[in-house]
PDB file of N, CA and C in Angstrom:
ATOM      1  N   UNK A   1     111.008  84.683  96.318  1.00  0.00           N
ATOM      2  CA  UNK A   1     109.533  84.861  96.678  1.00  0.00           C
ATOM      3  C   UNK A   1     109.218  83.663  97.841  1.00  0.00           C
ATOM      4  N   UNK A   2     108.343  84.174  98.683  1.00  0.00           N
ATOM      5  CA  UNK A   2     107.791  83.478  99.648  1.00  0.00           C
ATOM      6  C   UNK A   2     106.215  83.227  99.404  1.00  0.00           C
ATOM      7  N   UNK A   3     105.853  81.966 100.080  1.00  0.00           N
ATOM      8  CA  UNK A   3     104.278  81.818  99.943  1.00  0.00           C
ATOM      9  C   UNK A   3     103.862  82.377 101.100  1.00  0.00           C
ATOM     10  N   UNK A   4     102.575  83.024 100.805  1.00  0.00           N
ATOM     11  CA  UNK A   4     101.692  83.593 101.828  1.00  0.00           C
ATOM     12  C   UNK A   4     100.216  83.002 101.967  1.00  0.00           C
ATOM     13  N   UNK A   5      99.875  82.374 102.869  1.00  0.00           N
ATOM     14  CA  UNK A   5      98.600  81.640 103.097  1.00  0.00           C
ATOM     15  C   UNK A   5      97.679  82.429 103.919  1.00  0.00           C
ATOM     16  N   UNK A   6      96.410  82.081 103.883  1.00  0.00           N
ATOM     17  CA  UNK A   6      95.294  82.431 104.726  1.00  0.00           C
ATOM     18  C   UNK A   6      95.914  82.403 106.261  1.00  0.00           C
ATOM     19  N   UNK A   7      95.821  83.404 107.208  1.00  0.00           N
ATOM     20  CA  UNK A   7      96.266  83.252 108.435  1.00  0.00           C
ATOM     21  C   UNK A   7      97.493  83.753 108.820  1.00  0.00           C
ATOM     22  N   UNK A   8      98.233  84.366 107.545  1.00  0.00           N
ATOM     23  CA  UNK A   8      99.538  85.095 107.776  1.00  0.00           C
ATOM     24  C   UNK A   8      99.383  86.360 107.348  1.00  0.00           C
ATOM     25  N   UNK A   9     100.234  87.329 108.026  1.00  0.00           N
ATOM     26  CA  UNK A   9     100.149  88.907 107.772  1.00  0.00           C
ATOM     27  C   UNK A   9      99.758  89.273 106.547  1.00  0.00           C
ATOM     28  N   UNK A  10     100.364  88.620 105.379  1.00  0.00           N
ATOM     29  CA  UNK A  10     100.366  89.430 104.047  1.00  0.00           C
ATOM     30  C   UNK A  10      98.749  89.080 103.811  1.00  0.00           C
ATOM     31  N   UNK A  11      98.091  88.406 104.150  1.00  0.00           N
ATOM     32  CA  UNK A  11      96.742  88.241 104.069  1.00  0.00           C
ATOM     33  C   UNK A  11      95.841  88.680 104.968  1.00  0.00           C
ATOM     34  N   UNK A  12      96.338  89.478 106.047  1.00  0.00           N
ATOM     35  CA  UNK A  12      95.532  90.083 107.093  1.00  0.00           C
ATOM     36  C   UNK A  12      94.909  91.669 106.737  1.00  0.00           C
ATOM     37  N   UNK A  13      93.770  92.014 107.258  1.00  0.00           N
ATOM     38  CA  UNK A  13      93.367  93.249 107.084  1.00  0.00           C
ATOM     39  C   UNK A  13      94.314  94.307 107.590  1.00  0.00           C
ATOM     40  N   UNK A  14      95.022  93.890 108.746  1.00  0.00           N
ATOM     41  CA  UNK A  14      95.805  95.020 109.421  1.00  0.00           C
ATOM     42  C   UNK A  14      97.150  94.982 108.861  1.00  0.00           C
ATOM     43  N   UNK A  15      97.722  94.357 108.195  1.00  0.00           N
ATOM     44  CA  UNK A  15      98.997  94.289 107.380  1.00  0.00           C
ATOM     45  C   UNK A  15      99.327  95.564 106.393  1.00  0.00           C
ATOM     46  N   UNK A  16     100.022  96.507 106.864  1.00  0.00           N
ATOM     47  CA  UNK A  16     100.037  97.711 105.894  1.00  0.00           C
ATOM     48  C   UNK A  16      98.774  98.580 106.135  1.00  0.00           C
ATOM     49  N   UNK A  17      98.042  98.356 107.191  1.00  0.00           N
ATOM     50  CA  UNK A  17      96.626  99.052 107.167  1.00  0.00           C
ATOM     51  C   UNK A  17      97.150 100.805 107.000  1.00  0.00           C
ATOM     52  N   UNK A  18      98.099 101.065 107.527  1.00  0.00           N
ATOM     53  CA  UNK A  18      98.173 102.692 107.427  1.00  0.00           C
ATOM     54  C   UNK A  18      99.437 103.011 106.651  1.00  0.00           C
ATOM     55  N   UNK A  19      99.873 101.925 105.906  1.00  0.00           N
ATOM     56  CA  UNK A  19     100.936 102.118 104.797  1.00  0.00           C
ATOM     57  C   UNK A  19     100.732 101.419 103.850  1.00  0.00           C
ATOM     58  N   UNK A  20      99.520 101.151 103.087  1.00  0.00           N
ATOM     59  CA  UNK A  20      99.487 100.417 102.090  1.00  0.00           C
ATOM     60  C   UNK A  20     100.025 100.794 100.712  1.00  0.00           C
ATOM     61  N   UNK A  21     100.538  99.756  99.876  1.00  0.00           N
ATOM     62  CA  UNK A  21     101.095  99.968  98.512  1.00  0.00           C
ATOM     63  C   UNK A  21     100.731  99.084  97.594  1.00  0.00           C
ATOM     64  N   UNK A  22     101.184  98.773  96.661  1.00  0.00           N
ATOM     65  CA  UNK A  22     100.749  98.023  95.363  1.00  0.00           C
ATOM     66  C   UNK A  22     101.308  96.755  95.762  1.00  0.00           C
ATOM     67  N   UNK A  23     102.396  96.577  96.581  1.00  0.00           N
ATOM     68  CA  UNK A  23     103.101  95.159  96.671  1.00  0.00           C
ATOM     69  C   UNK A  23     101.883  94.550  97.664  1.00  0.00           C
ATOM     70  N   UNK A  24     101.170  95.033  98.470  1.00  0.00           N
ATOM     71  CA  UNK A  24     100.153  94.404  99.494  1.00  0.00           C
ATOM     72  C   UNK A  24      99.221  93.854  98.529  1.00  0.00           C
ATOM     73  N   UNK A  25      98.473  94.482  97.673  1.00  0.00           N
ATOM     74  CA  UNK A  25      97.554  94.022  96.567  1.00  0.00           C
ATOM     75  C   UNK A  25      98.073  92.864  96.026  1.00  0.00           C
ATOM     76  N   UNK A  26      99.512  92.869  95.497  1.00  0.00           N
ATOM     77  CA  UNK A  26      99.751  91.642  94.819  1.00  0.00           C
ATOM     78  C   UNK A  26     100.183  90.432  95.509  1.00  0.00           C
ATOM     79  N   UNK A  27     100.330  90.693  96.987  1.00  0.00           N
ATOM     80  CA  UNK A  27     100.618  89.577  97.944  1.00  0.00           C
ATOM     81  C   UNK A  27      99.292  88.971  98.208  1.00  0.00           C
ATOM     82  N   UNK A  28      98.070  89.646  98.257  1.00  0.00           N
ATOM     83  CA  UNK A  28      96.969  89.159  98.417  1.00  0.00           C
ATOM     84  C   UNK A  28      96.427  88.431  97.330  1.00  0.00           C
ATOM     85  N   UNK A  29      96.543  88.906  96.098  1.00  0.00           N
ATOM     86  CA  UNK A  29      96.161  88.319  94.795  1.00  0.00           C
ATOM     87  C   UNK A  29      96.764  86.963  94.495  1.00  0.00           C
ATOM     88  N   UNK A  30      98.080  87.397  94.621  1.00  0.00           N
ATOM     89  CA  UNK A  30      98.983  85.946  93.907  1.00  0.00           C
ATOM     90  C   UNK A  30      99.340  85.036  95.207  1.00  0.00           C
ATOM     91  N   UNK A  31      99.550  85.412  96.626  1.00  0.00           N
ATOM     92  CA  UNK A  31      99.638  84.688  97.716  1.00  0.00           C
ATOM     93  C   UNK A  31     101.329  84.514  97.636  1.00  0.00           C
ATOM     94  N   UNK A  32     102.068  85.257  97.174  1.00  0.00           N
ATOM     95  CA  UNK A  32     103.589  85.407  96.977  1.00  0.00           C
ATOM     96  C   UNK A  32     103.894  86.889  97.433  1.00  0.00           C
ATOM     97  N   UNK A  33     105.066  86.961  98.104  1.00  0.00           N
ATOM     98  CA  UNK A  33     105.777  87.980  98.527  1.00  0.00           C
ATOM     99  C   UNK A  33     107.156  88.047  98.560  1.00  0.00           C
ATOM    100  N   UNK A  34     107.820  89.179  98.284  1.00  0.00           N
ATOM    101  CA  UNK A  34     109.290  89.190  98.206  1.00  0.00           C
ATOM    102  C   UNK A  34     109.714  88.866  99.431  1.00  0.00           C
ATOM    103  N   UNK A  35     110.961  88.243  99.599  1.00  0.00           N
ATOM    104  CA  UNK A  35     111.449  87.694 100.740  1.00  0.00           C
ATOM    105  C   UNK A  35     111.653  88.701 101.922  1.00  0.00           C
ATOM    106  N   UNK A  36     112.222  90.000 101.506  1.00  0.00           N
ATOM    107  CA  UNK A  36     112.651  90.968 102.317  1.00  0.00           C
ATOM    108  C   UNK A  36     111.617  92.100 102.558  1.00  0.00           C
ATOM    109  N   UNK A  37     110.159  91.731 102.158  1.00  0.00           N
ATOM    110  CA  UNK A  37     109.134  92.648 102.377  1.00  0.00           C
ATOM    111  C   UNK A  37     108.624  92.783 103.533  1.00  0.00           C
ATOM    112  N   UNK A  38     108.639  93.990 104.332  1.00  0.00           N
ATOM    113  CA  UNK A  38     107.995  94.112 105.478  1.00  0.00           C
ATOM    114  C   UNK A  38     106.930  95.332 105.543  1.00  0.00           C
ATOM    115  N   UNK A  39     106.095  95.503 106.278  1.00  0.00           N
ATOM    116  CA  UNK A  39     105.229  96.572 106.501  1.00  0.00           C
ATOM    117  C   UNK A  39     104.576  96.767 107.906  1.00  0.00           C
ATOM    118  N   UNK A  40     103.966  97.713 108.299  1.00  0.00           N
ATOM    119  CA  UNK A  40     103.618  97.857 109.483  1.00  0.00           C
ATOM    120  C   UNK A  40     102.391  96.923 109.696  1.00  0.00           C
ATOM    121  N   UNK A  41     102.083  96.810 111.140  1.00  0.00           N
ATOM    122  CA  UNK A  41     100.832  95.870 111.529  1.00  0.00           C
ATOM    123  C   UNK A  41     100.242  96.981 112.146  1.00  0.00           C
ATOM    124  N   UNK A  42      98.913  97.287 111.832  1.00  0.00           N
ATOM    125  CA  UNK A  42      97.973  98.051 112.140  1.00  0.00           C
ATOM    126  C   UNK A  42      96.846  97.757 113.366  1.00  0.00           C
ATOM    127  N   UNK A  43      97.263  96.228 113.598  1.00  0.00           N
ATOM    128  CA  UNK A  43      96.321  95.768 114.782  1.00  0.00           C
ATOM    129  C   UNK A  43      96.178  96.612 115.804  1.00  0.00           C
ATOM    130  N   UNK A  44      94.883  96.978 116.514  1.00  0.00           N
ATOM    131  CA  UNK A  44      94.841  97.931 117.455  1.00  0.00           C
ATOM    132  C   UNK A  44      95.607  97.626 118.583  1.00  0.00           C
ATOM    133  N   UNK A  45      95.696  96.469 118.784  1.00  0.00           N
ATOM    134  CA  UNK A  45      96.589  95.886 120.094  1.00  0.00           C
ATOM    135  C   UNK A  45      98.128  96.084 119.823  1.00  0.00           C
ATOM    136  N   UNK A  46      98.342  96.071 118.675  1.00  0.00           N
ATOM    137  CA  UNK A  46      99.995  96.233 118.394  1.00  0.00           C
ATOM    138  C   UNK A  46     100.264  97.629 117.895  1.00  0.00           C
ATOM    139  N   UNK A  47      99.346  98.669 117.545  1.00  0.00           N
ATOM    140  CA  UNK A  47      99.412  99.770 116.919  1.00  0.00           C
ATOM    141  C   UNK A  47     100.277 100.932 117.634  1.00  0.00           C
ATOM    142  N   UNK A  48     100.424 100.733 118.891  1.00  0.00           N
ATOM    143  CA  UNK A  48     101.409 101.795 119.539  1.00  0.00           C
ATOM    144  C   UNK A  48     102.992 101.226 119.648  1.00  0.00           C
ATOM    145  N   UNK A  49     103.087  99.828 119.143  1.00  0.00           N
ATOM    146  CA  UNK A  49     104.494  99.384 119.023  1.00  0.00           C
ATOM    147  C   UNK A  49     105.271  99.709 117.846  1.00  0.00           C
ATOM    148  N   UNK A  50     104.215  99.995 116.999  1.00  0.00           N
ATOM    149  CA  UNK A  50     104.708 100.351 115.494  1.00  0.00           C
ATOM    150  C   UNK A  50     105.470  99.235 114.994  1.00  0.00           C
ATOM    151  N   UNK A  51     105.031  97.975 115.011  1.00  0.00           N
ATOM    152  CA  UNK A  51     105.619  96.823 114.692  1.00  0.00           C
ATOM    153  C   UNK A  51     105.810  96.635 112.936  1.00  0.00           C
ATOM    154  N   UNK A  52     107.012  96.194 112.636  1.00  0.00           N
ATOM    155  CA  UNK A  52     107.123  95.917 110.974  1.00  0.00           C
ATOM    156  C   UNK A  52     107.279  94.485 111.081  1.00  0.00           C
ATOM    157  N   UNK A  53     106.464  93.846 110.226  1.00  0.00           N
ATOM    158  CA  UNK A  53     106.318  92.545 110.127  1.00  0.00           C
ATOM    159  C   UNK A  53     106.448  92.082 108.672  1.00  0.00           C
ATOM    160  N   UNK A  54     106.835  90.807 108.400  1.00  0.00           N
ATOM    161  CA  UNK A  54     107.018  90.252 107.178  1.00  0.00           C
ATOM    162  C   UNK A  54     105.613  89.609 106.710  1.00  0.00           C
ATOM    163  N   UNK A  55     105.498  89.400 105.479  1.00  0.00           N
ATOM    164  CA  UNK A  55     104.484  89.038 104.914  1.00  0.00           C
ATOM    165  C   UNK A  55     103.783  87.472 105.295  1.00  0.00           C
ATOM    166  N   UNK A  56     104.804  86.692 105.862  1.00  0.00           N
ATOM    167  CA  UNK A  56     104.468  85.090 106.250  1.00  0.00           C
ATOM    168  C   UNK A  56     104.506  85.139 107.922  1.00  0.00           C
ATOM    169  N   UNK A  57     104.432  86.249 108.393  1.00  0.00           N
ATOM    170  CA  UNK A  57     104.327  86.263 109.772  1.00  0.00           C
ATOM    171  C   UNK A  57     102.816  86.015 110.306  1.00  0.00           C
ATOM    172  N   UNK A  58     102.684  85.716 111.517  1.00  0.00           N
ATOM    173  CA  UNK A  58     101.236  85.239 112.290  1.00  0.00           C
ATOM    174  C   UNK A  58     101.154  85.905 113.491  1.00  0.00           C
ATOM    175  N   UNK A  59      99.858  85.969 113.796  1.00  0.00           N
ATOM    176  CA  UNK A  59      99.540  86.094 115.182  1.00  0.00           C
ATOM    177  C   UNK A  59      97.997  85.708 115.341  1.00  0.00           C
ATOM    178  N   UNK A  60      97.563  86.057 116.675  1.00  0.00           N
ATOM    179  CA  UNK A  60      96.191  85.636 116.888  1.00  0.00           C
ATOM    180  C   UNK A  60      95.165  86.793 116.532  1.00  0.00           C
ATOM    181  N   UNK A  61      95.487  87.979 116.093  1.00  0.00           N
ATOM    182  CA  UNK A  61      94.617  88.914 115.620  1.00  0.00           C
ATOM    183  C   UNK A  61      94.174  88.912 114.075  1.00  0.00           C
ATOM    184  N   UNK A  62      94.621  87.846 113.548  1.00  0.00           N
ATOM    185  CA  UNK A  62      94.503  87.738 112.100  1.00  0.00           C
ATOM    186  C   UNK A  62      93.170  88.190 111.709  1.00  0.00           C
ATOM    187  N   UNK A  63      92.708  89.054 110.655  1.00  0.00           N
ATOM    188  CA  UNK A  63      91.544  89.143 110.138  1.00  0.00           C
ATOM    189  C   UNK A  63      91.685  89.186 108.676  1.00  0.00           C
ATOM    190  N   UNK A  64      91.061  88.269 107.902  1.00  0.00           N
ATOM    191  CA  UNK A  64      91.032  88.271 106.586  1.00  0.00           C
ATOM    192  C   UNK A  64      90.666  89.688 105.784  1.00  0.00           C
ATOM    193  N   UNK A  65      91.624  90.058 104.882  1.00  0.00           N
ATOM    194  CA  UNK A  65      91.420  91.169 104.140  1.00  0.00           C
ATOM    195  C   UNK A  65      90.458  91.014 103.088  1.00  0.00           C
TER     196      UNK A  65
END
């Protein structure tokens, strides 16, 4: 497991925005994510790229979930 803090993708509104699952809820509640967990980034600036990001990734487009 990896720690996920505010400012990181796992706690961002855009993380898994179009492909949400129960794991995202657990990441946001517990602040921990499986090391190999990735999901899509739904940020409008990145949406056309279909990015898959890890829960501990970061970018300037962070919005708290």
